[in-house]
N, C-alpha and C. Protein backbone atom coordinates (compact mmCIF):
# COMPACT_ATOMS: atom_id res chain seq x y z
N MET A 1 77.83 107.95 84.74
CA MET A 1 78.99 107.02 85.01
C MET A 1 79.98 107.82 84.84
N ASP A 2 79.94 109.25 83.55
CA ASP A 2 80.80 109.97 83.31
C ASP A 2 81.46 110.55 84.80
N GLY A 3 80.51 110.83 85.48
CA GLY A 3 81.38 111.64 87.10
C GLY A 3 82.10 110.74 87.97
N LEU A 4 81.84 109.27 87.78
CA LEU A 4 82.75 108.40 88.81
C LEU A 4 84.31 108.64 88.15
N LYS A 5 84.52 108.96 87.14
CA LYS A 5 85.82 108.87 85.99
C LYS A 5 86.93 110.00 87.06
N GLU A 6 86.04 110.88 87.69
CA GLU A 6 87.14 112.19 88.36
C GLU A 6 86.63 111.71 90.11
N VAL A 7 86.97 110.72 90.37
CA VAL A 7 86.95 110.34 91.44
C VAL A 7 88.27 109.55 92.05
N VAL A 8 88.92 110.00 92.77
CA VAL A 8 89.84 109.21 93.29
C VAL A 8 90.08 109.22 94.69
N GLN A 9 90.04 107.61 95.23
CA GLN A 9 90.22 107.04 96.61
C GLN A 9 91.35 106.27 96.72
N VAL A 10 92.09 106.81 97.61
CA VAL A 10 93.44 105.96 98.54
C VAL A 10 93.07 105.74 99.93
N SER A 11 93.58 104.44 100.32
CA SER A 11 93.34 104.28 101.15
C SER A 11 94.67 103.60 101.91
N ILE A 12 95.30 103.89 102.86
CA ILE A 12 96.45 103.42 103.55
C ILE A 12 96.08 102.99 105.17
N LYS A 13 96.62 101.66 105.27
CA LYS A 13 96.32 101.20 106.74
C LYS A 13 98.00 100.64 106.96
N THR A 14 98.27 101.30 108.27
CA THR A 14 99.39 100.60 108.91
C THR A 14 98.89 99.62 110.28
N ASN A 15 100.02 99.84 111.09
CA ASN A 15 99.89 98.92 112.40
C ASN A 15 99.17 100.26 113.37
N GLU A 16 99.31 101.46 113.11
CA GLU A 16 98.67 102.27 113.97
C GLU A 16 97.32 102.63 113.78
N ARG A 17 97.45 103.15 112.58
CA ARG A 17 95.89 103.56 111.95
C ARG A 17 95.51 103.48 110.47
N ASP A 18 94.50 103.79 110.24
CA ASP A 18 93.58 103.80 108.91
C ASP A 18 93.72 105.34 108.55
N ILE A 19 94.36 105.83 107.15
CA ILE A 19 93.90 106.90 106.61
C ILE A 19 93.28 106.75 105.02
N GLU A 20 92.25 107.39 104.85
CA GLU A 20 91.33 107.07 103.63
C GLU A 20 91.40 108.55 102.67
N PHE A 21 91.73 108.78 101.88
CA PHE A 21 91.93 110.10 100.80
C PHE A 21 90.65 109.82 99.70
N THR A 22 89.83 110.65 99.99
CA THR A 22 88.79 110.66 98.69
C THR A 22 89.05 112.02 98.00
N SER A 23 88.88 112.42 96.79
CA SER A 23 88.79 113.56 96.08
C SER A 23 87.64 113.06 94.78
N PHE A 24 87.16 114.52 95.01
CA PHE A 24 85.82 114.42 93.89
C PHE A 24 85.26 115.99 93.67
N ALA A 25 85.33 116.35 92.71
CA ALA A 25 84.56 117.63 92.08
C ALA A 25 85.27 118.95 93.25
N GLY A 26 86.45 118.58 93.13
CA GLY A 26 87.15 119.74 93.82
C GLY A 26 87.15 119.60 95.14
N LEU A 27 86.87 118.76 95.95
CA LEU A 27 86.91 118.40 97.08
C LEU A 27 87.29 117.37 97.48
N ASN A 28 88.23 117.39 98.56
CA ASN A 28 88.95 116.28 99.44
C ASN A 28 88.71 115.90 100.37
N GLN A 29 88.57 114.84 100.85
CA GLN A 29 88.06 114.46 102.24
C GLN A 29 89.47 113.49 102.74
N ILE A 30 89.81 114.13 104.10
CA ILE A 30 90.80 113.05 104.57
C ILE A 30 90.13 112.72 105.72
N LYS A 31 90.02 111.26 106.12
CA LYS A 31 89.62 110.50 107.18
C LYS A 31 90.59 109.62 107.80
N GLN A 32 90.55 109.87 109.25
CA GLN A 32 91.84 108.64 109.79
C GLN A 32 91.28 108.39 111.14
N SER A 33 91.47 107.35 111.08
CA SER A 33 90.82 105.88 112.34
C SER A 33 92.31 105.69 113.16
N LEU A 34 91.90 105.86 114.45
CA LEU A 34 93.02 105.65 115.17
C LEU A 34 92.21 105.15 116.53
N ASP A 35 92.72 103.92 116.82
CA ASP A 35 92.04 103.28 118.47
C ASP A 35 90.72 103.64 118.23
N GLY A 36 90.10 103.41 117.19
CA GLY A 36 88.67 103.58 117.03
C GLY A 36 87.73 104.73 116.92
N ASP A 37 88.72 106.32 117.24
CA ASP A 37 88.38 107.21 117.07
C ASP A 37 88.60 107.48 115.22
N VAL A 38 87.49 108.57 114.89
CA VAL A 38 87.64 108.78 113.47
C VAL A 38 87.64 110.21 113.83
N SER A 39 88.24 110.90 113.00
CA SER A 39 88.30 112.13 112.76
C SER A 39 88.51 112.54 111.16
N SER A 40 87.86 113.40 110.53
CA SER A 40 88.07 113.81 108.74
C SER A 40 88.10 115.54 108.93
N VAL A 41 88.43 115.63 107.70
CA VAL A 41 88.48 117.21 107.21
C VAL A 41 88.23 117.37 105.78
N VAL A 42 87.76 117.91 105.14
CA VAL A 42 87.05 118.20 104.00
C VAL A 42 87.93 119.70 103.37
N LEU A 43 88.53 119.58 102.48
CA LEU A 43 89.52 120.70 102.10
C LEU A 43 89.14 120.86 100.41
N THR A 44 88.90 122.22 100.05
CA THR A 44 88.95 122.65 98.61
C THR A 44 90.02 122.29 97.84
N ASP A 45 90.31 122.24 96.74
CA ASP A 45 91.48 121.80 96.02
C ASP A 45 92.87 122.72 96.34
N GLU A 46 92.24 124.16 96.38
CA GLU A 46 93.39 125.43 96.83
C GLU A 46 93.75 124.85 98.41
N GLU A 47 92.62 124.96 98.76
CA GLU A 47 93.50 124.65 100.27
C GLU A 47 93.92 123.17 100.87
N LEU A 48 93.92 122.37 99.72
CA LEU A 48 95.05 120.78 99.85
C LEU A 48 96.28 121.53 99.62
N GLU A 49 96.08 122.39 98.36
CA GLU A 49 97.77 122.83 97.81
C GLU A 49 98.18 123.49 98.64
N MET A 50 97.62 124.55 99.59
CA MET A 50 98.57 125.59 100.59
C MET A 50 98.99 124.44 101.57
N MET A 51 98.09 123.49 101.95
CA MET A 51 98.82 122.54 102.82
C MET A 51 100.12 122.01 102.62
N LEU A 52 99.72 121.68 101.08
CA LEU A 52 101.24 120.84 100.75
C LEU A 52 102.55 121.70 100.21
N CYS A 53 101.97 122.83 100.08
CA CYS A 53 103.11 124.05 100.06
C CYS A 53 103.95 124.71 101.36
N VAL A 54 103.28 124.37 102.59
CA VAL A 54 103.69 124.67 103.85
C VAL A 54 104.47 123.50 104.17
N LYS A 55 104.48 122.56 103.66
CA LYS A 55 105.27 121.19 104.11
C LYS A 55 106.88 121.70 102.84
N GLN A 56 106.35 122.12 101.71
CA GLN A 56 107.33 122.45 101.11
C GLN A 56 107.23 124.28 100.69
N ARG A 57 108.01 124.58 102.00
CA ARG A 57 108.29 126.10 101.97
C ARG A 57 108.78 126.74 100.94
N ASP A 58 109.93 126.09 99.81
CA ASP A 58 110.19 126.84 98.72
C ASP A 58 109.14 127.18 97.57
N LYS A 59 107.76 126.26 97.76
CA LYS A 59 106.89 126.31 97.01
C LYS A 59 105.37 127.53 97.30
N LEU A 60 105.65 127.90 98.51
CA LEU A 60 104.82 128.68 99.11
C LEU A 60 104.51 129.87 98.45
N ALA A 61 105.57 130.69 98.48
CA ALA A 61 105.41 132.13 97.74
C ALA A 61 105.10 131.95 96.26
N SER A 62 105.51 130.86 95.45
CA SER A 62 104.52 131.35 94.19
C SER A 62 103.10 130.39 94.22
N PHE A 63 102.77 129.85 95.18
CA PHE A 63 101.90 129.60 95.16
C PHE A 63 100.54 130.68 95.89
N PHE A 64 101.31 131.54 96.65
CA PHE A 64 100.17 132.72 97.02
C PHE A 64 100.20 133.90 95.94
N GLN A 65 101.20 133.67 95.07
CA GLN A 65 101.37 134.63 94.12
C GLN A 65 100.52 133.91 92.86
N SER A 66 100.10 132.66 92.80
CA SER A 66 99.55 132.30 91.50
C SER A 66 97.74 132.32 92.22
N VAL A 67 97.61 132.75 93.85
CA VAL A 67 96.57 132.81 94.60
C VAL A 67 95.79 134.19 94.36
N LEU A 68 96.94 135.19 94.42
CA LEU A 68 96.68 136.53 93.62
C LEU A 68 96.64 136.88 92.21
N GLU A 69 96.85 136.33 91.53
CA GLU A 69 96.70 136.33 90.01
C GLU A 69 95.66 135.94 89.66
N ARG A 70 94.87 134.62 90.20
CA ARG A 70 93.37 134.33 89.96
C ARG A 70 92.53 135.30 90.79
N LYS A 71 92.88 135.63 91.63
CA LYS A 71 91.62 136.49 92.77
C LYS A 71 91.45 137.86 91.45
N ASN A 72 92.92 138.49 91.22
CA ASN A 72 92.79 139.78 90.37
C ASN A 72 92.31 139.47 89.09
N ALA A 73 92.07 138.38 88.14
CA ALA A 73 92.00 137.85 86.94
C ALA A 73 90.26 138.07 86.83
N VAL A 74 89.70 137.94 88.30
CA VAL A 74 88.11 137.62 88.24
C VAL A 74 87.40 139.03 88.32
């Protein structure tokens, strides 16, 4: 049961579509239903963070810097 504490699931329903976000063990699934068609994508935490930074361009440079620092530390 301890693993279930790490699960995060959010559903958003609008007049146009349903969106479901599920996060567990470093993976994030985003699923969308629109007019009966369902599409989904699975992203790692790092990929999701990159997508969020693209939306907030001022954070993009610091994100890439942190990625380089993590890669060099390994």
